[in-house]
N, C-alpha and C. Protein backbone atom coordinates (compact mmCIF):
# COMPACT_ATOMS: atom_id res chain seq x y z
N MET A 1 6.92 10.30 2.83
CA MET A 1 6.20 9.40 1.95
C MET A 1 7.09 8.22 1.60
N LYS A 2 6.56 7.04 1.75
CA LYS A 2 7.29 5.85 1.36
C LYS A 2 7.10 5.65 -0.13
N THR A 3 8.14 5.25 -0.80
CA THR A 3 8.03 4.98 -2.23
C THR A 3 8.61 3.61 -2.52
N PRO A 4 8.06 2.93 -3.52
CA PRO A 4 8.59 1.62 -3.86
C PRO A 4 9.94 1.73 -4.54
N SER A 5 10.76 0.76 -4.34
CA SER A 5 12.03 0.69 -5.05
C SER A 5 12.29 -0.76 -5.39
N SER A 6 13.04 -0.98 -6.44
CA SER A 6 13.28 -2.35 -6.86
C SER A 6 14.09 -3.11 -5.81
N THR A 7 14.98 -2.43 -5.10
CA THR A 7 15.77 -3.13 -4.09
C THR A 7 14.90 -3.48 -2.89
N THR A 8 13.98 -2.61 -2.51
CA THR A 8 13.09 -2.90 -1.40
C THR A 8 12.18 -4.06 -1.74
N ALA A 9 11.61 -4.05 -2.92
CA ALA A 9 10.67 -5.09 -3.33
C ALA A 9 11.35 -6.45 -3.40
N LEU A 10 12.61 -6.48 -3.73
CA LEU A 10 13.30 -7.74 -3.88
C LEU A 10 14.05 -8.16 -2.62
N SER A 11 14.07 -7.31 -1.60
CA SER A 11 14.88 -7.60 -0.43
C SER A 11 14.24 -8.60 0.53
N ASN A 12 12.97 -8.91 0.34
CA ASN A 12 12.35 -9.93 1.19
C ASN A 12 11.59 -10.91 0.30
N ASN A 13 11.09 -11.96 0.90
CA ASN A 13 10.42 -13.00 0.13
C ASN A 13 8.93 -12.80 -0.01
N LYS A 14 8.40 -11.73 0.56
CA LYS A 14 6.96 -11.49 0.49
C LYS A 14 6.55 -11.00 -0.90
N LYS A 15 5.43 -11.50 -1.38
CA LYS A 15 4.87 -11.00 -2.62
C LYS A 15 4.16 -9.69 -2.33
N LEU A 16 4.08 -8.84 -3.34
CA LEU A 16 3.48 -7.52 -3.20
C LEU A 16 2.03 -7.53 -3.63
N ILE A 17 1.16 -6.91 -2.83
CA ILE A 17 -0.23 -6.75 -3.21
C ILE A 17 -0.57 -5.26 -3.07
N ALA A 18 -1.23 -4.70 -4.08
CA ALA A 18 -1.60 -3.29 -4.08
C ALA A 18 -3.09 -3.15 -3.76
N VAL A 19 -3.41 -2.17 -2.93
CA VAL A 19 -4.80 -1.95 -2.52
C VAL A 19 -5.21 -0.54 -2.89
N PHE A 20 -6.15 -0.43 -3.84
CA PHE A 20 -6.74 0.87 -4.18
C PHE A 20 -7.76 1.23 -3.11
N GLY A 21 -7.91 2.52 -2.85
CA GLY A 21 -8.89 2.96 -1.87
C GLY A 21 -8.48 2.62 -0.45
N ALA A 22 -7.20 2.59 -0.20
CA ALA A 22 -6.68 2.13 1.09
C ALA A 22 -7.05 3.05 2.25
N THR A 23 -7.48 4.27 1.97
CA THR A 23 -7.85 5.19 3.06
C THR A 23 -9.33 5.14 3.39
N GLY A 24 -10.10 4.41 2.62
CA GLY A 24 -11.54 4.29 2.87
C GLY A 24 -11.85 3.15 3.82
N GLN A 25 -13.14 2.96 4.08
CA GLN A 25 -13.57 1.90 5.00
C GLN A 25 -13.18 0.51 4.50
N GLN A 26 -13.57 0.19 3.28
CA GLN A 26 -13.31 -1.16 2.75
C GLN A 26 -11.82 -1.38 2.49
N GLY A 27 -11.19 -0.44 1.78
CA GLY A 27 -9.77 -0.59 1.48
C GLY A 27 -8.90 -0.60 2.72
N GLY A 28 -9.26 0.25 3.69
CA GLY A 28 -8.51 0.28 4.95
C GLY A 28 -8.61 -1.04 5.70
N GLY A 29 -9.78 -1.63 5.66
CA GLY A 29 -9.97 -2.94 6.29
C GLY A 29 -9.14 -4.01 5.60
N VAL A 30 -9.05 -3.93 4.30
CA VAL A 30 -8.25 -4.89 3.54
C VAL A 30 -6.77 -4.74 3.91
N VAL A 31 -6.30 -3.49 3.96
CA VAL A 31 -4.90 -3.24 4.33
C VAL A 31 -4.61 -3.80 5.73
N ARG A 32 -5.46 -3.49 6.69
CA ARG A 32 -5.24 -3.98 8.06
C ARG A 32 -5.26 -5.50 8.14
N ALA A 33 -6.17 -6.12 7.44
CA ALA A 33 -6.26 -7.58 7.45
C ALA A 33 -5.03 -8.21 6.82
N LEU A 34 -4.57 -7.66 5.72
CA LEU A 34 -3.38 -8.20 5.06
C LEU A 34 -2.14 -8.03 5.92
N GLN A 35 -2.02 -6.89 6.57
CA GLN A 35 -0.85 -6.67 7.41
C GLN A 35 -0.87 -7.56 8.65
N ALA A 36 -2.04 -7.86 9.16
CA ALA A 36 -2.16 -8.64 10.39
C ALA A 36 -1.80 -10.11 10.20
N SER A 37 -2.18 -10.68 9.07
CA SER A 37 -1.99 -12.13 8.95
C SER A 37 -1.89 -12.60 7.51
N SER A 38 -0.93 -12.06 6.80
CA SER A 38 -0.76 -12.55 5.43
C SER A 38 0.71 -12.53 5.05
N PRO A 39 1.03 -13.30 4.04
CA PRO A 39 2.41 -13.35 3.57
C PRO A 39 2.73 -12.24 2.55
N PHE A 40 1.88 -11.21 2.48
CA PHE A 40 2.05 -10.17 1.47
C PHE A 40 2.66 -8.91 2.04
N LYS A 41 3.43 -8.25 1.21
CA LYS A 41 3.86 -6.88 1.47
C LYS A 41 2.75 -6.01 0.89
N VAL A 42 2.28 -5.01 1.63
CA VAL A 42 1.11 -4.24 1.22
C VAL A 42 1.52 -2.87 0.69
N ARG A 43 1.04 -2.54 -0.52
CA ARG A 43 1.23 -1.22 -1.11
C ARG A 43 -0.13 -0.53 -1.15
N ALA A 44 -0.25 0.56 -0.40
CA ALA A 44 -1.49 1.33 -0.37
C ALA A 44 -1.45 2.38 -1.47
N LEU A 45 -2.50 2.42 -2.27
CA LEU A 45 -2.61 3.41 -3.34
C LEU A 45 -3.65 4.44 -2.92
N THR A 46 -3.24 5.70 -2.89
CA THR A 46 -4.12 6.76 -2.44
C THR A 46 -3.84 8.04 -3.21
N ARG A 47 -4.83 8.93 -3.25
CA ARG A 47 -4.64 10.20 -3.95
C ARG A 47 -3.69 11.12 -3.22
N ASN A 48 -3.57 10.97 -1.92
CA ASN A 48 -2.73 11.86 -1.13
C ASN A 48 -1.86 11.06 -0.15
N PRO A 49 -0.77 10.51 -0.62
CA PRO A 49 0.06 9.67 0.25
C PRO A 49 0.70 10.43 1.41
N GLY A 50 0.87 11.73 1.28
CA GLY A 50 1.46 12.52 2.35
C GLY A 50 0.61 12.56 3.60
N LYS A 51 -0.70 12.36 3.46
CA LYS A 51 -1.60 12.36 4.61
C LYS A 51 -1.59 11.04 5.37
N HIS A 52 -1.08 9.99 4.74
CA HIS A 52 -1.13 8.65 5.32
C HIS A 52 0.21 7.91 5.12
N PRO A 53 1.31 8.48 5.58
CA PRO A 53 2.62 7.88 5.27
C PRO A 53 2.87 6.51 5.89
N ASP A 54 2.18 6.19 6.98
CA ASP A 54 2.43 4.92 7.66
C ASP A 54 1.28 3.93 7.51
N LEU A 55 0.47 4.12 6.49
CA LEU A 55 -0.71 3.28 6.28
C LEU A 55 -0.37 1.83 5.97
N ALA A 56 0.70 1.62 5.23
CA ALA A 56 1.08 0.28 4.78
C ALA A 56 2.59 0.19 4.63
N ASP A 57 3.06 -0.93 4.15
CA ASP A 57 4.50 -1.09 3.92
C ASP A 57 5.01 -0.05 2.92
N GLU A 58 4.21 0.23 1.91
CA GLU A 58 4.49 1.27 0.93
C GLU A 58 3.22 2.07 0.73
N VAL A 59 3.35 3.38 0.56
CA VAL A 59 2.20 4.24 0.28
C VAL A 59 2.58 5.08 -0.94
N VAL A 60 1.79 4.94 -2.00
CA VAL A 60 2.10 5.64 -3.24
C VAL A 60 0.87 6.37 -3.78
N GLU A 61 1.13 7.37 -4.59
CA GLU A 61 0.04 8.17 -5.18
C GLU A 61 -0.56 7.44 -6.37
N ALA A 62 -1.89 7.42 -6.39
CA ALA A 62 -2.61 6.85 -7.53
C ALA A 62 -4.02 7.44 -7.52
N ASP A 63 -4.47 7.87 -8.68
CA ASP A 63 -5.81 8.44 -8.82
C ASP A 63 -6.40 7.89 -10.11
N LEU A 64 -7.43 7.08 -9.98
CA LEU A 64 -8.05 6.46 -11.16
C LEU A 64 -8.70 7.47 -12.08
N ASN A 65 -8.98 8.67 -11.59
CA ASN A 65 -9.56 9.71 -12.44
C ASN A 65 -8.51 10.50 -13.19
N ARG A 66 -7.24 10.28 -12.87
CA ARG A 66 -6.14 10.97 -13.55
C ARG A 66 -5.09 9.95 -13.98
N PRO A 67 -5.33 9.27 -15.09
CA PRO A 67 -4.41 8.21 -15.52
C PRO A 67 -3.03 8.72 -15.90
């Protein structure tokens, strides 16, 4: 599982964008589009990051039903 770190986030000039629902149809499309042609570093937020470790630049656990 990739995890964010302050040194990683600051080590390049790309701004960070987080995508909720990155494993679904819409969120996955957003992640792919951002990775293909944008100046952003992509952080995928998912309930189970272990199932999708290479989905984005960073993959972290997040569940809107469990704050």
